[in-house]
Amino acid sequence: QVQLVESGGGLVQPGGSLRLSCAASGFTFRLVSMNWYRQPPGKERELVAVISSGGGSTNYADSVKGRFTVSRDNSKNTVYLQMNSLKPEDTAVYYCRFLNYWGKGTLVTVSS
């Protein structure tokens, strides 16, 4: 069955960096686009980044452009989200998504 497992979250100071990973299984990963979403405390889930199946096309929410980079390794069935220059407003649970399948998320807290 489809499984998406996020990892890499944690507590980081403002201005710091984190790299999130999402390990996928149960489908032909290299053929599909993948998405990263986040849900800040008390707010709705929002789309953060999208990457095409081959990795050649990416899109980002305006709030993270220039700071976040999405990438993938199709040999490892894994998609990544490199987050730099983190701000307190980036605090959220981060999820990866494929079609209507979601991981359980990983918590990122940006605080001094």
Protein backbone atom coordinates (compact mmCIF):
# COMPACT_ATOMS: atom_id res chain seq x y z
CA GLN A 1 0.00 0.00 0.00
CA VAL A 2 1.05 3.62 -0.40
CA GLN A 3 3.22 4.91 2.43
CA LEU A 4 4.72 8.36 2.90
CA VAL A 5 7.01 8.88 5.87
CA GLU A 6 8.33 12.35 6.66
CA SER A 7 11.37 13.01 8.82
CA GLY A 8 13.84 15.75 9.66
CA GLY A 9 11.71 18.15 11.64
CA GLY A 10 12.77 19.70 14.92
CA LEU A 11 13.46 22.89 16.80
CA VAL A 12 15.61 25.49 15.04
CA GLN A 13 16.46 29.11 15.73
CA PRO A 14 15.31 31.88 13.38
CA GLY A 15 17.68 32.10 10.44
CA GLY A 16 18.57 28.44 10.70
CA SER A 17 18.11 25.57 8.27
CA LEU A 18 16.52 22.14 8.19
CA ARG A 19 16.16 19.47 5.54
CA LEU A 20 13.00 17.41 5.52
CA SER A 21 12.75 14.03 3.84
CA CYS A 22 9.74 12.05 2.66
CA ALA A 23 10.32 8.36 1.93
CA ALA A 24 7.72 6.91 -0.40
CA SER A 25 6.67 3.35 -1.13
CA GLY A 26 3.81 1.41 -2.67
CA PHE A 27 3.67 3.22 -5.99
CA THR A 28 5.89 4.08 -8.96
CA PHE A 29 7.52 7.11 -7.41
CA ARG A 30 9.55 8.19 -10.44
CA LEU A 31 6.40 8.70 -12.53
CA VAL A 32 4.52 11.13 -10.29
CA SER A 33 4.80 14.68 -9.07
CA MET A 34 5.07 15.19 -5.33
CA ASN A 35 3.91 17.94 -3.01
CA TRP A 36 4.93 19.41 0.31
CA TYR A 37 2.26 21.03 2.47
CA ARG A 38 2.33 22.57 5.91
CA GLN A 39 -0.19 23.32 8.62
CA PRO A 40 0.71 26.07 11.09
CA PRO A 41 -0.86 25.91 14.56
CA GLY A 42 -4.50 26.90 14.40
CA LYS A 43 -4.45 27.45 10.64
CA GLU A 44 -5.40 25.53 7.54
CA ARG A 45 -3.06 23.32 5.60
CA GLU A 46 -1.30 25.09 2.73
CA LEU A 47 0.71 24.06 -0.27
CA VAL A 48 4.41 24.82 0.06
CA ALA A 49 6.14 23.24 -2.93
CA VAL A 50 5.57 20.94 -5.89
CA ILE A 51 8.11 18.97 -7.88
CA SER A 52 7.54 17.18 -11.17
CA SER A 53 8.20 13.49 -11.65
CA GLY A 54 11.67 14.04 -13.11
CA GLY A 55 12.51 16.93 -10.84
CA GLY A 56 12.92 19.41 -13.67
CA SER A 57 9.97 21.58 -12.72
CA THR A 58 9.25 23.07 -9.32
CA ASN A 59 6.81 25.58 -7.88
CA TYR A 60 6.68 27.31 -4.52
CA ALA A 61 4.33 29.29 -2.37
CA ASP A 62 5.23 32.98 -2.42
CA SER A 63 5.95 32.85 1.30
CA VAL A 64 8.87 30.44 0.84
CA LYS A 65 10.29 31.40 -2.56
CA GLY A 66 14.02 31.97 -2.40
CA ARG A 67 14.32 30.21 0.96
CA PHE A 68 13.03 26.67 0.37
CA THR A 69 14.16 24.20 -2.26
CA VAL A 70 12.34 20.99 -3.18
CA SER A 71 14.26 18.13 -4.75
CA ARG A 72 13.95 14.40 -5.22
CA ASP A 73 16.05 11.29 -5.62
CA ASN A 74 14.09 8.80 -7.70
CA SER A 75 16.68 6.10 -7.01
CA LYS A 76 15.80 6.38 -3.31
CA ASN A 77 12.06 7.07 -3.70
CA THR A 78 12.56 10.17 -1.58
CA VAL A 79 11.58 13.81 -1.89
CA TYR A 80 13.31 16.53 0.11
CA LEU A 81 12.56 20.03 1.30
CA GLN A 82 15.59 22.15 2.11
CA MET A 83 14.52 25.06 4.29
CA ASN A 84 16.89 27.98 4.81
CA SER A 85 16.53 31.34 6.53
CA LEU A 86 13.74 29.95 8.65
CA LYS A 87 11.30 32.32 10.30
CA PRO A 88 8.96 31.82 13.26
CA GLU A 89 6.03 31.87 10.84
CA ASP A 90 7.44 28.72 9.20
CA THR A 91 6.48 26.82 12.35
CA ALA A 92 4.12 24.07 11.23
CA VAL A 93 3.61 20.38 10.72
CA TYR A 94 5.02 19.58 7.28
CA TYR A 95 3.47 16.86 5.15
CA CYS A 96 4.24 15.26 1.84
CA ARG A 97 1.41 14.30 -0.45
CA PHE A 98 0.79 12.16 -3.52
CA LEU A 99 -2.73 12.28 -4.99
CA ASN A 100 -4.94 11.85 -1.90
CA TYR A 101 -2.27 10.10 0.14
CA TRP A 102 -0.64 11.96 3.02
CA GLY A 103 2.15 11.20 5.41
CA LYS A 104 1.73 11.72 9.15
CA GLY A 105 3.85 14.84 9.06
CA THR A 106 6.92 16.16 10.83
CA LEU A 107 6.87 19.14 13.19
CA VAL A 108 9.10 22.13 12.51
CA THR A 109 9.38 24.72 15.25
CA VAL A 110 11.28 27.95 14.61
CA SER A 111 11.93 29.74 17.86
CA SER A 112 14.70 31.36 19.83
